[in-house]
Amino acid sequence: MPEAPDWLPNAHAVKEWNRLAPILTANKLLTEGGLSALAHLCAMHGKIVQLYAAGEAPTASMAGTLQSMINDFGLTPVAQGKVKPHGGEEDKGNKFARNGKRTGTA
């Protein structure tokens, strides 16, 4: 599992990294190119948790940005169907893996 970047803003961000990185790695959703995006997701999460802990609310922009990043990694039930693992083979035993398309047809 990749280590959390040193620049994450607080312990909440590091904790989120340590929670998400193994999940995303195990599901082949975290690539070298995605490490920065995950770091920014965790940083935003950390800032939002810090605001809530101080009795404040995040801005709508902050909340929207976090939700967008969460969706990009397929971390919601709806988004899971839209994100595909990297480097994996299609499940040959799953007749639904190609959305009903037969091999060799248009």
PDB file of N, CA and C in Angstrom:
ATOM      1  N   MET A   1       0.845  -1.178   0.000  1.00  0.00           N
ATOM      2  CA  MET A   1       0.000   0.000   0.000  1.00  0.00           C
ATOM      3  C   MET A   1       0.892   1.244   0.000  1.00  0.00           C
ATOM      4  N   PRO A   2       0.572   2.213  -0.837  1.00  0.00           N
ATOM      5  CA  PRO A   2       1.364   3.442  -0.844  1.00  0.00           C
ATOM      6  C   PRO A   2       1.180   4.226   0.460  1.00  0.00           C
ATOM      7  N   GLU A   3       2.256   4.852   0.905  1.00  0.00           N
ATOM      8  CA  GLU A   3       2.193   5.641   2.136  1.00  0.00           C
ATOM      9  C   GLU A   3       1.546   6.993   1.882  1.00  0.00           C
ATOM     10  N   ALA A   4       0.914   7.513   2.912  1.00  0.00           N
ATOM     11  CA  ALA A   4       0.275   8.831   2.822  1.00  0.00           C
ATOM     12  C   ALA A   4       1.336   9.906   2.607  1.00  0.00           C
ATOM     13  N   PRO A   5       1.033  10.899   1.767  1.00  0.00           N
ATOM     14  CA  PRO A   5       1.989  11.990   1.556  1.00  0.00           C
ATOM     15  C   PRO A   5       2.197  12.800   2.844  1.00  0.00           C
ATOM     16  N   ASP A   6       3.384  13.345   2.995  1.00  0.00           N
ATOM     17  CA  ASP A   6       3.712  14.147   4.178  1.00  0.00           C
ATOM     18  C   ASP A   6       2.902  15.434   4.259  1.00  0.00           C
ATOM     19  N   TRP A   7       2.422  15.927   3.125  1.00  0.00           N
ATOM     20  CA  TRP A   7       1.760  17.228   3.103  1.00  0.00           C
ATOM     21  C   TRP A   7       0.275  17.186   3.477  1.00  0.00           C
ATOM     22  N   LEU A   8      -0.273  16.005   3.759  1.00  0.00           N
ATOM     23  CA  LEU A   8      -1.686  15.971   4.158  1.00  0.00           C
ATOM     24  C   LEU A   8      -1.877  16.864   5.379  1.00  0.00           C
ATOM     25  N   PRO A   9      -2.992  17.625   5.420  1.00  0.00           N
ATOM     26  CA  PRO A   9      -3.121  18.710   6.398  1.00  0.00           C
ATOM     27  C   PRO A   9      -3.329  18.314   7.851  1.00  0.00           C
ATOM     28  N   ASN A  10      -3.835  17.105   8.112  1.00  0.00           N
ATOM     29  CA  ASN A  10      -4.097  16.746   9.504  1.00  0.00           C
ATOM     30  C   ASN A  10      -4.260  15.233   9.654  1.00  0.00           C
ATOM     31  N   ALA A  11      -4.435  14.796  10.896  1.00  0.00           N
ATOM     32  CA  ALA A  11      -4.556  13.367  11.189  1.00  0.00           C
ATOM     33  C   ALA A  11      -5.804  12.756  10.560  1.00  0.00           C
ATOM     34  N   HIS A  12      -6.868  13.548  10.405  1.00  0.00           N
ATOM     35  CA  HIS A  12      -8.086  13.029   9.775  1.00  0.00           C
ATOM     36  C   HIS A  12      -7.812  12.649   8.320  1.00  0.00           C
ATOM     37  N   ALA A  13      -7.023  13.451   7.644  1.00  0.00           N
ATOM     38  CA  ALA A  13      -6.676  13.174   6.243  1.00  0.00           C
ATOM     39  C   ALA A  13      -5.819  11.914   6.141  1.00  0.00           C
ATOM     40  N   VAL A  14      -4.864  11.771   7.041  1.00  0.00           N
ATOM     41  CA  VAL A  14      -4.001  10.584   7.036  1.00  0.00           C
ATOM     42  C   VAL A  14      -4.823   9.335   7.343  1.00  0.00           C
ATOM     43  N   LYS A  15      -5.734   9.455   8.297  1.00  0.00           N
ATOM     44  CA  LYS A  15      -6.591   8.317   8.647  1.00  0.00           C
ATOM     45  C   LYS A  15      -7.444   7.900   7.447  1.00  0.00           C
ATOM     46  N   GLU A  16      -7.958   8.872   6.704  1.00  0.00           N
ATOM     47  CA  GLU A  16      -8.768   8.563   5.524  1.00  0.00           C
ATOM     48  C   GLU A  16      -7.910   7.896   4.452  1.00  0.00           C
ATOM     49  N   TRP A  17      -6.681   8.366   4.274  1.00  0.00           N
ATOM     50  CA  TRP A  17      -5.754   7.720   3.333  1.00  0.00           C
ATOM     51  C   TRP A  17      -5.548   6.254   3.733  1.00  0.00           C
ATOM     52  N   ASN A  18      -5.269   6.034   5.025  1.00  0.00           N
ATOM     53  CA  ASN A  18      -5.017   4.674   5.509  1.00  0.00           C
ATOM     54  C   ASN A  18      -6.248   3.780   5.412  1.00  0.00           C
ATOM     55  N   ARG A  19      -7.417   4.370   5.376  1.00  0.00           N
ATOM     56  CA  ARG A  19      -8.652   3.606   5.200  1.00  0.00           C
ATOM     57  C   ARG A  19      -8.905   3.299   3.722  1.00  0.00           C
ATOM     58  N   LEU A  20      -8.739   4.307   2.855  1.00  0.00           N
ATOM     59  CA  LEU A  20      -9.101   4.146   1.443  1.00  0.00           C
ATOM     60  C   LEU A  20      -8.038   3.469   0.586  1.00  0.00           C
ATOM     61  N   ALA A  21      -6.770   3.764   0.817  1.00  0.00           N
ATOM     62  CA  ALA A  21      -5.713   3.224  -0.049  1.00  0.00           C
ATOM     63  C   ALA A  21      -5.749   1.696  -0.141  1.00  0.00           C
ATOM     64  N   PRO A  22      -5.908   0.967   0.968  1.00  0.00           N
ATOM     65  CA  PRO A  22      -5.966  -0.493   0.846  1.00  0.00           C
ATOM     66  C   PRO A  22      -7.208  -0.982   0.087  1.00  0.00           C
ATOM     67  N   ILE A  23      -8.330  -0.317   0.292  1.00  0.00           N
ATOM     68  CA  ILE A  23      -9.567  -0.699  -0.405  1.00  0.00           C
ATOM     69  C   ILE A  23      -9.405  -0.497  -1.902  1.00  0.00           C
ATOM     70  N   LEU A  24      -8.917   0.675  -2.284  1.00  0.00           N
ATOM     71  CA  LEU A  24      -8.753   0.989  -3.706  1.00  0.00           C
ATOM     72  C   LEU A  24      -7.678   0.122  -4.350  1.00  0.00           C
ATOM     73  N   THR A  25      -6.608  -0.159  -3.622  1.00  0.00           N
ATOM     74  CA  THR A  25      -5.544  -1.010  -4.149  1.00  0.00           C
ATOM     75  C   THR A  25      -6.053  -2.430  -4.357  1.00  0.00           C
ATOM     76  N   ALA A  26      -6.756  -2.966  -3.378  1.00  0.00           N
ATOM     77  CA  ALA A  26      -7.280  -4.331  -3.479  1.00  0.00           C
ATOM     78  C   ALA A  26      -8.251  -4.489  -4.639  1.00  0.00           C
ATOM     79  N   ASN A  27      -8.982  -3.431  -4.943  1.00  0.00           N
ATOM     80  CA  ASN A  27      -9.955  -3.479  -6.037  1.00  0.00           C
ATOM     81  C   ASN A  27      -9.383  -2.976  -7.360  1.00  0.00           C
ATOM     82  N   LYS A  28      -8.059  -2.790  -7.392  1.00  0.00           N
ATOM     83  CA  LYS A  28      -7.347  -2.343  -8.598  1.00  0.00           C
ATOM     84  C   LYS A  28      -7.892  -1.024  -9.143  1.00  0.00           C
ATOM     85  N   LEU A  29      -8.258  -0.133  -8.237  1.00  0.00           N
ATOM     86  CA  LEU A  29      -8.780   1.179  -8.616  1.00  0.00           C
ATOM     87  C   LEU A  29      -7.782   2.300  -8.341  1.00  0.00           C
ATOM     88  N   LEU A  30      -6.649   1.962  -7.755  1.00  0.00           N
ATOM     89  CA  LEU A  30      -5.642   2.973  -7.452  1.00  0.00           C
ATOM     90  C   LEU A  30      -4.393   2.697  -8.273  1.00  0.00           C
ATOM     91  N   THR A  31      -4.065   3.627  -9.153  1.00  0.00           N
ATOM     92  CA  THR A  31      -2.867   3.517  -9.980  1.00  0.00           C
ATOM     93  C   THR A  31      -1.866   4.576  -9.533  1.00  0.00           C
ATOM     94  N   GLU A  32      -0.672   4.503 -10.070  1.00  0.00           N
ATOM     95  CA  GLU A  32       0.356   5.508  -9.771  1.00  0.00           C
ATOM     96  C   GLU A  32      -0.167   6.908 -10.083  1.00  0.00           C
ATOM     97  N   GLY A  33      -0.876   7.033 -11.194  1.00  0.00           N
ATOM     98  CA  GLY A  33      -1.420   8.327 -11.592  1.00  0.00           C
ATOM     99  C   GLY A  33      -2.539   8.820 -10.693  1.00  0.00           C
ATOM    100  N   GLY A  34      -3.186   7.926  -9.969  1.00  0.00           N
ATOM    101  CA  GLY A  34      -4.289   8.303  -9.101  1.00  0.00           C
ATOM    102  C   GLY A  34      -3.891   8.670  -7.685  1.00  0.00           C
ATOM    103  N   LEU A  35      -2.612   8.519  -7.360  1.00  0.00           N
ATOM    104  CA  LEU A  35      -2.172   8.805  -5.991  1.00  0.00           C
ATOM    105  C   LEU A  35      -2.404  10.260  -5.605  1.00  0.00           C
ATOM    106  N   SER A  36      -2.130  11.169  -6.519  1.00  0.00           N
ATOM    107  CA  SER A  36      -2.333  12.593  -6.231  1.00  0.00           C
ATOM    108  C   SER A  36      -3.812  12.895  -6.014  1.00  0.00           C
ATOM    109  N   ALA A  37      -4.664  12.312  -6.846  1.00  0.00           N
ATOM    110  CA  ALA A  37      -6.109  12.534  -6.695  1.00  0.00           C
ATOM    111  C   ALA A  37      -6.594  11.998  -5.352  1.00  0.00           C
ATOM    112  N   LEU A  38      -6.108  10.823  -4.953  1.00  0.00           N
ATOM    113  CA  LEU A  38      -6.486  10.276  -3.652  1.00  0.00           C
ATOM    114  C   LEU A  38      -5.990  11.182  -2.531  1.00  0.00           C
ATOM    115  N   ALA A  39      -4.786  11.697  -2.665  1.00  0.00           N
ATOM    116  CA  ALA A  39      -4.248  12.598  -1.641  1.00  0.00           C
ATOM    117  C   ALA A  39      -5.115  13.843  -1.507  1.00  0.00           C
ATOM    118  N   HIS A  40      -5.547  14.399  -2.625  1.00  0.00           N
ATOM    119  CA  HIS A  40      -6.404  15.588  -2.575  1.00  0.00           C
ATOM    120  C   HIS A  40      -7.779  15.256  -1.981  1.00  0.00           C
ATOM    121  N   LEU A  41      -8.308  14.085  -2.292  1.00  0.00           N
ATOM    122  CA  LEU A  41      -9.572  13.651  -1.687  1.00  0.00           C
ATOM    123  C   LEU A  41      -9.403  13.586  -0.167  1.00  0.00           C
ATOM    124  N   CYS A  42      -8.335  12.964   0.290  1.00  0.00           N
ATOM    125  CA  CYS A  42      -8.104  12.825   1.727  1.00  0.00           C
ATOM    126  C   CYS A  42      -7.862  14.173   2.396  1.00  0.00           C
ATOM    127  N   ALA A  43      -7.160  15.066   1.709  1.00  0.00           N
ATOM    128  CA  ALA A  43      -6.931  16.406   2.254  1.00  0.00           C
ATOM    129  C   ALA A  43      -8.251  17.145   2.433  1.00  0.00           C
ATOM    130  N   MET A  44      -9.115  17.069   1.433  1.00  0.00           N
ATOM    131  CA  MET A  44     -10.418  17.736   1.529  1.00  0.00           C
ATOM    132  C   MET A  44     -11.248  17.114   2.648  1.00  0.00           C
ATOM    133  N   HIS A  45     -11.226  15.795   2.741  1.00  0.00           N
ATOM    134  CA  HIS A  45     -11.936  15.101   3.819  1.00  0.00           C
ATOM    135  C   HIS A  45     -11.429  15.596   5.180  1.00  0.00           C
ATOM    136  N   GLY A  46     -10.108  15.678   5.322  1.00  0.00           N
ATOM    137  CA  GLY A  46      -9.522  16.133   6.584  1.00  0.00           C
ATOM    138  C   GLY A  46      -9.939  17.544   6.947  1.00  0.00           C
ATOM    139  N   LYS A  47      -9.964  18.428   5.958  1.00  0.00           N
ATOM    140  CA  LYS A  47     -10.371  19.817   6.214  1.00  0.00           C
ATOM    141  C   LYS A  47     -11.840  19.891   6.622  1.00  0.00           C
ATOM    142  N   ILE A  48     -12.685  19.099   5.968  1.00  0.00           N
ATOM    143  CA  ILE A  48     -14.117  19.112   6.284  1.00  0.00           C
ATOM    144  C   ILE A  48     -14.361  18.554   7.684  1.00  0.00           C
ATOM    145  N   VAL A  49     -13.699  17.463   8.046  1.00  0.00           N
ATOM    146  CA  VAL A  49     -13.848  16.904   9.395  1.00  0.00           C
ATOM    147  C   VAL A  49     -13.386  17.923  10.434  1.00  0.00           C
ATOM    148  N   GLN A  50     -12.301  18.615  10.138  1.00  0.00           N
ATOM    149  CA  GLN A  50     -11.781  19.636  11.051  1.00  0.00           C
ATOM    150  C   GLN A  50     -12.800  20.763  11.253  1.00  0.00           C
ATOM    151  N   LEU A  51     -13.453  21.171  10.173  1.00  0.00           N
ATOM    152  CA  LEU A  51     -14.485  22.206  10.288  1.00  0.00           C
ATOM    153  C   LEU A  51     -15.641  21.732  11.163  1.00  0.00           C
ATOM    154  N   TYR A  52     -16.125  20.521  10.904  1.00  0.00           N
ATOM    155  CA  TYR A  52     -17.226  19.987  11.712  1.00  0.00           C
ATOM    156  C   TYR A  52     -16.824  19.889  13.186  1.00  0.00           C
ATOM    157  N   ALA A  53     -15.598  19.463  13.455  1.00  0.00           N
ATOM    158  CA  ALA A  53     -15.123  19.345  14.838  1.00  0.00           C
ATOM    159  C   ALA A  53     -15.081  20.700  15.537  1.00  0.00           C
ATOM    160  N   ALA A  54     -14.897  21.763  14.770  1.00  0.00           N
ATOM    161  CA  ALA A  54     -14.864  23.123  15.322  1.00  0.00           C
ATOM    162  C   ALA A  54     -16.255  23.753  15.379  1.00  0.00           C
ATOM    163  N   GLY A  55     -17.281  22.980  15.037  1.00  0.00           N
ATOM    164  CA  GLY A  55     -18.644  23.497  15.073  1.00  0.00           C
ATOM    165  C   GLY A  55     -19.027  24.303  13.852  1.00  0.00           C
ATOM    166  N   GLU A  56     -18.248  24.205  12.803  1.00  0.00           N
ATOM    167  CA  GLU A  56     -18.522  24.930  11.565  1.00  0.00           C
ATOM    168  C   GLU A  56     -18.919  23.939  10.476  1.00  0.00           C
ATOM    169  N   ALA A  57     -19.497  24.478   9.427  1.00  0.00           N
ATOM    170  CA  ALA A  57     -19.880  23.644   8.286  1.00  0.00           C
ATOM    171  C   ALA A  57     -18.987  23.979   7.090  1.00  0.00           C
ATOM    172  N   PRO A  58     -18.712  22.986   6.249  1.00  0.00           N
ATOM    173  CA  PRO A  58     -17.937  23.280   5.038  1.00  0.00           C
ATOM    174  C   PRO A  58     -18.780  24.083   4.062  1.00  0.00           C
ATOM    175  N   THR A  59     -18.112  24.751   3.153  1.00  0.00           N
ATOM    176  CA  THR A  59     -18.850  25.463   2.108  1.00  0.00           C
ATOM    177  C   THR A  59     -19.469  24.441   1.164  1.00  0.00           C
ATOM    178  N   ALA A  60     -20.464  24.873   0.427  1.00  0.00           N
ATOM    179  CA  ALA A  60     -21.087  23.990  -0.562  1.00  0.00           C
ATOM    180  C   ALA A  60     -20.060  23.557  -1.602  1.00  0.00           C
ATOM    181  N   SER A  61     -19.160  24.447  -1.937  1.00  0.00           N
ATOM    182  CA  SER A  61     -18.110  24.122  -2.905  1.00  0.00           C
ATOM    183  C   SER A  61     -17.203  23.009  -2.382  1.00  0.00           C
ATOM    184  N   MET A  62     -16.832  23.088  -1.113  1.00  0.00           N
ATOM    185  CA  MET A  62     -15.985  22.048  -0.523  1.00  0.00           C
ATOM    186  C   MET A  62     -16.702  20.706  -0.516  1.00  0.00           C
ATOM    187  N   ALA A  63     -17.959  20.718  -0.084  1.00  0.00           N
ATOM    188  CA  ALA A  63     -18.729  19.478  -0.029  1.00  0.00           C
ATOM    189  C   ALA A  63     -18.920  18.893  -1.426  1.00  0.00           C
ATOM    190  N   GLY A  64     -19.187  19.747  -2.394  1.00  0.00           N
ATOM    191  CA  GLY A  64     -19.367  19.290  -3.770  1.00  0.00           C
ATOM    192  C   GLY A  64     -18.092  18.722  -4.356  1.00  0.00           C
ATOM    193  N   THR A  65     -16.974  19.358  -4.053  1.00  0.00           N
ATOM    194  CA  THR A  65     -15.682  18.872  -4.534  1.00  0.00           C
ATOM    195  C   THR A  65     -15.376  17.504  -3.946  1.00  0.00           C
ATOM    196  N   LEU A  66     -15.612  17.341  -2.647  1.00  0.00           N
ATOM    197  CA  LEU A  66     -15.371  16.050  -2.009  1.00  0.00           C
ATOM    198  C   LEU A  66     -16.268  14.978  -2.618  1.00  0.00           C
ATOM    199  N   GLN A  67     -17.541  15.292  -2.814  1.00  0.00           N
ATOM    200  CA  GLN A  67     -18.464  14.309  -3.388  1.00  0.00           C
ATOM    201  C   GLN A  67     -18.026  13.899  -4.787  1.00  0.00           C
ATOM    202  N   SER A  68     -17.569  14.852  -5.571  1.00  0.00           N
ATOM    203  CA  SER A  68     -17.091  14.559  -6.919  1.00  0.00           C
ATOM    204  C   SER A  68     -15.884  13.619  -6.879  1.00  0.00           C
ATOM    205  N   MET A  69     -14.953  13.879  -5.970  1.00  0.00           N
ATOM    206  CA  MET A  69     -13.771  13.028  -5.846  1.00  0.00           C
ATOM    207  C   MET A  69     -14.149  11.625  -5.374  1.00  0.00           C
ATOM    208  N   ILE A  70     -15.087  11.559  -4.440  1.00  0.00           N
ATOM    209  CA  ILE A  70     -15.558  10.262  -3.953  1.00  0.00           C
ATOM    210  C   ILE A  70     -16.151   9.464  -5.113  1.00  0.00           C
ATOM    211  N   ASN A  71     -16.942  10.122  -5.936  1.00  0.00           N
ATOM    212  CA  ASN A  71     -17.535   9.452  -7.097  1.00  0.00           C
ATOM    213  C   ASN A  71     -16.474   9.009  -8.095  1.00  0.00           C
ATOM    214  N   ASP A  72     -15.449   9.837  -8.295  1.00  0.00           N
ATOM    215  CA  ASP A  72     -14.387   9.495  -9.247  1.00  0.00           C
ATOM    216  C   ASP A  72     -13.704   8.177  -8.901  1.00  0.00           C
ATOM    217  N   PHE A  73     -13.616   7.873  -7.626  1.00  0.00           N
ATOM    218  CA  PHE A  73     -12.990   6.623  -7.199  1.00  0.00           C
ATOM    219  C   PHE A  73     -13.998   5.486  -7.027  1.00  0.00           C
ATOM    220  N   GLY A  74     -15.265   5.729  -7.345  1.00  0.00           N
ATOM    221  CA  GLY A  74     -16.270   4.676  -7.244  1.00  0.00           C
ATOM    222  C   GLY A  74     -16.586   4.298  -5.813  1.00  0.00           C
ATOM    223  N   LEU A  75     -16.584   5.276  -4.923  1.00  0.00           N
ATOM    224  CA  LEU A  75     -16.762   4.998  -3.501  1.00  0.00           C
ATOM    225  C   LEU A  75     -18.195   5.144  -3.009  1.00  0.00           C
ATOM    226  N   THR A  76     -19.145   5.225  -3.921  1.00  0.00           N
ATOM    227  CA  THR A  76     -20.559   5.196  -3.552  1.00  0.00           C
ATOM    228  C   THR A  76     -21.202   4.058  -4.336  1.00  0.00           C
ATOM    229  N   PRO A  77     -22.325   3.542  -3.865  1.00  0.00           N
ATOM    230  CA  PRO A  77     -22.967   2.449  -4.596  1.00  0.00           C
ATOM    231  C   PRO A  77     -23.279   2.788  -6.056  1.00  0.00           C
ATOM    232  N   VAL A  78     -23.738   3.991  -6.318  1.00  0.00           N
ATOM    233  CA  VAL A  78     -24.060   4.381  -7.692  1.00  0.00           C
ATOM    234  C   VAL A  78     -22.793   4.478  -8.533  1.00  0.00           C
ATOM    235  N   ALA A  79     -21.745   5.065  -7.974  1.00  0.00           N
ATOM    236  CA  ALA A  79     -20.502   5.262  -8.724  1.00  0.00           C
ATOM    237  C   ALA A  79     -19.746   3.958  -8.963  1.00  0.00           C
ATOM    238  N   GLN A  80     -19.976   2.943  -8.146  1.00  0.00           N
ATOM    239  CA  GLN A  80     -19.238   1.688  -8.287  1.00  0.00           C
ATOM    240  C   GLN A  80     -19.426   1.052  -9.657  1.00  0.00           C
ATOM    241  N   GLY A  81     -20.603   1.170 -10.217  1.00  0.00           N
ATOM    242  CA  GLY A  81     -20.857   0.588 -11.528  1.00  0.00           C
ATOM    243  C   GLY A  81     -20.207   1.349 -12.659  1.00  0.00           C
ATOM    244  N   LYS A  82     -19.747   2.554 -12.397  1.00  0.00           N
ATOM    245  CA  LYS A  82     -19.163   3.397 -13.440  1.00  0.00           C
ATOM    246  C   LYS A  82     -17.641   3.334 -13.472  1.00  0.00           C
ATOM    247  N   VAL A  83     -17.040   2.778 -12.435  1.00  0.00           N
ATOM    248  CA  VAL A  83     -15.584   2.739 -12.335  1.00  0.00           C
ATOM    249  C   VAL A  83     -15.115   1.317 -12.609  1.00  0.00           C
ATOM    250  N   LYS A  84     -14.126   1.187 -13.483  1.00  0.00           N
ATOM    251  CA  LYS A  84     -13.600  -0.121 -13.855  1.00  0.00           C
ATOM    252  C   LYS A  84     -12.193  -0.298 -13.294  1.00  0.00           C
ATOM    253  N   PRO A  85     -11.875  -1.496 -12.805  1.00  0.00           N
ATOM    254  CA  PRO A  85     -10.520  -1.757 -12.319  1.00  0.00           C
ATOM    255  C   PRO A  85      -9.500  -1.628 -13.442  1.00  0.00           C
ATOM    256  N   HIS A  86      -8.273  -1.294 -13.077  1.00  0.00           N
ATOM    257  CA  HIS A  86      -7.190  -1.167 -14.055  1.00  0.00           C
ATOM    258  C   HIS A  86      -6.387  -2.455 -14.104  1.00  0.00           C
ATOM    259  N   GLY A  87      -6.067  -2.898 -15.309  1.00  0.00           N
ATOM    260  CA  GLY A  87      -5.177  -4.028 -15.484  1.00  0.00           C
ATOM    261  C   GLY A  87      -5.800  -5.380 -15.233  1.00  0.00           C
ATOM    262  N   GLY A  88      -7.079  -5.439 -14.953  1.00  0.00           N
ATOM    263  CA  GLY A  88      -7.724  -6.717 -14.711  1.00  0.00           C
ATOM    264  C   GLY A  88      -8.322  -7.289 -15.976  1.00  0.00           C
ATOM    265  N   GLU A  89      -8.508  -8.586 -15.990  1.00  0.00           N
ATOM    266  CA  GLU A  89      -9.153  -9.227 -17.129  1.00  0.00           C
ATOM    267  C   GLU A  89     -10.650  -9.263 -16.891  1.00  0.00           C
ATOM    268  N   GLU A  90     -11.377  -9.260 -17.983  1.00  0.00           N
ATOM    269  CA  GLU A  90     -12.824  -9.365 -17.894  1.00  0.00           C
ATOM    270  C   GLU A  90     -13.179 -10.717 -17.298  1.00  0.00           C
ATOM    271  N   ASP A  91     -14.188 -10.769 -16.491  1.00  0.00           N
ATOM    272  CA  ASP A  91     -14.610 -12.011 -15.866  1.00  0.00           C
ATOM    273  C   ASP A  91     -15.261 -12.895 -16.918  1.00  0.00           C
ATOM    274  N   LYS A  92     -14.539 -13.919 -17.354  1.00  0.00           N
ATOM    275  CA  LYS A  92     -15.035 -14.781 -18.430  1.00  0.00           C
ATOM    276  C   LYS A  92     -16.221 -15.622 -17.990  1.00  0.00           C
ATOM    277  N   GLY A  93     -16.359 -15.881 -16.715  1.00  0.00           N
ATOM    278  CA  GLY A  93     -17.476 -16.671 -16.226  1.00  0.00           C
ATOM    279  C   GLY A  93     -18.734 -15.851 -15.994  1.00  0.00           C
ATOM    280  N   ASN A  94     -18.661 -14.550 -16.177  1.00  0.00           N
ATOM    281  CA  ASN A  94     -19.802 -13.674 -15.931  1.00  0.00           C
ATOM    282  C   ASN A  94     -20.421 -13.266 -17.258  1.00  0.00           C
ATOM    283  N   LYS A  95     -21.596 -13.809 -17.565  1.00  0.00           N
ATOM    284  CA  LYS A  95     -22.229 -13.503 -18.852  1.00  0.00           C
ATOM    285  C   LYS A  95     -22.698 -12.056 -18.934  1.00  0.00           C
ATOM    286  N   PHE A  96     -22.698 -11.342 -17.822  1.00  0.00           N
ATOM    287  CA  PHE A  96     -23.130  -9.949 -17.820  1.00  0.00           C
ATOM    288  C   PHE A  96     -21.950  -8.968 -17.893  1.00  0.00           C
ATOM    289  N   ALA A  97     -20.728  -9.475 -17.937  1.00  0.00           N
ATOM    290  CA  ALA A  97     -19.539  -8.626 -17.897  1.00  0.00           C
ATOM    291  C   ALA A  97     -19.442  -7.681 -19.088  1.00  0.00           C
ATOM    292  N   ARG A  98     -20.042  -8.044 -20.201  1.00  0.00           N
ATOM    293  CA  ARG A  98     -19.969  -7.202 -21.401  1.00  0.00           C
ATOM    294  C   ARG A  98     -21.296  -6.494 -21.663  1.00  0.00           C
ATOM    295  N   ASN A  99     -22.108  -6.311 -20.638  1.00  0.00           N
ATOM    296  CA  ASN A  99     -23.410  -5.647 -20.773  1.00  0.00           C
ATOM    297  C   ASN A  99     -24.272  -6.290 -21.843  1.00  0.00           C
ATOM    298  N   GLY A 100     -24.272  -7.607 -21.911  1.00  0.00           N
ATOM    299  CA  GLY A 100     -25.131  -8.335 -22.842  1.00  0.00           C
ATOM    300  C   GLY A 100     -24.604  -8.425 -24.259  1.00  0.00           C
ATOM    301  N   LYS A 101     -23.433  -7.845 -24.533  1.00  0.00           N
ATOM    302  CA  LYS A 101     -22.871  -7.900 -25.886  1.00  0.00           C
ATOM    303  C   LYS A 101     -22.103  -9.196 -26.065  1.00  0.00           C
ATOM    304  N   ARG A 102     -22.368  -9.865 -27.153  1.00  0.00           N
ATOM    305  CA  ARG A 102     -21.647 -11.093 -27.459  1.00  0.00           C
ATOM    306  C   ARG A 102     -20.312 -10.749 -28.089  1.00  0.00           C
ATOM    307  N   THR A 103     -19.354 -11.604 -27.891  1.00  0.00           N
ATOM    308  CA  THR A 103     -18.061 -11.370 -28.524  1.00  0.00           C
ATOM    309  C   THR A 103     -18.196 -11.574 -30.021  1.00  0.00           C
ATOM    310  N   GLY A 104     -17.524 -10.726 -30.771  1.00  0.00           N
ATOM    311  CA  GLY A 104     -17.547 -10.835 -32.219  1.00  0.00           C
ATOM    312  C   GLY A 104     -18.738 -10.177 -32.878  1.00  0.00           C
ATOM    313  N   THR A 105     -19.571  -9.467 -32.118  1.00  0.00           N
ATOM    314  CA  THR A 105     -20.715  -8.758 -32.703  1.00  0.00           C
ATOM    315  C   THR A 105     -20.572  -7.277 -32.438  1.00  0.00           C
ATOM    316  N   ALA A 106     -21.279  -6.502 -33.214  1.00  0.00           N
ATOM    317  CA  ALA A 106     -21.196  -5.043 -33.071  1.00  0.00           C
ATOM    318  C   ALA A 106     -22.051  -4.534 -31.961  1.00  0.00           C
TER     319      ALA A 106
END
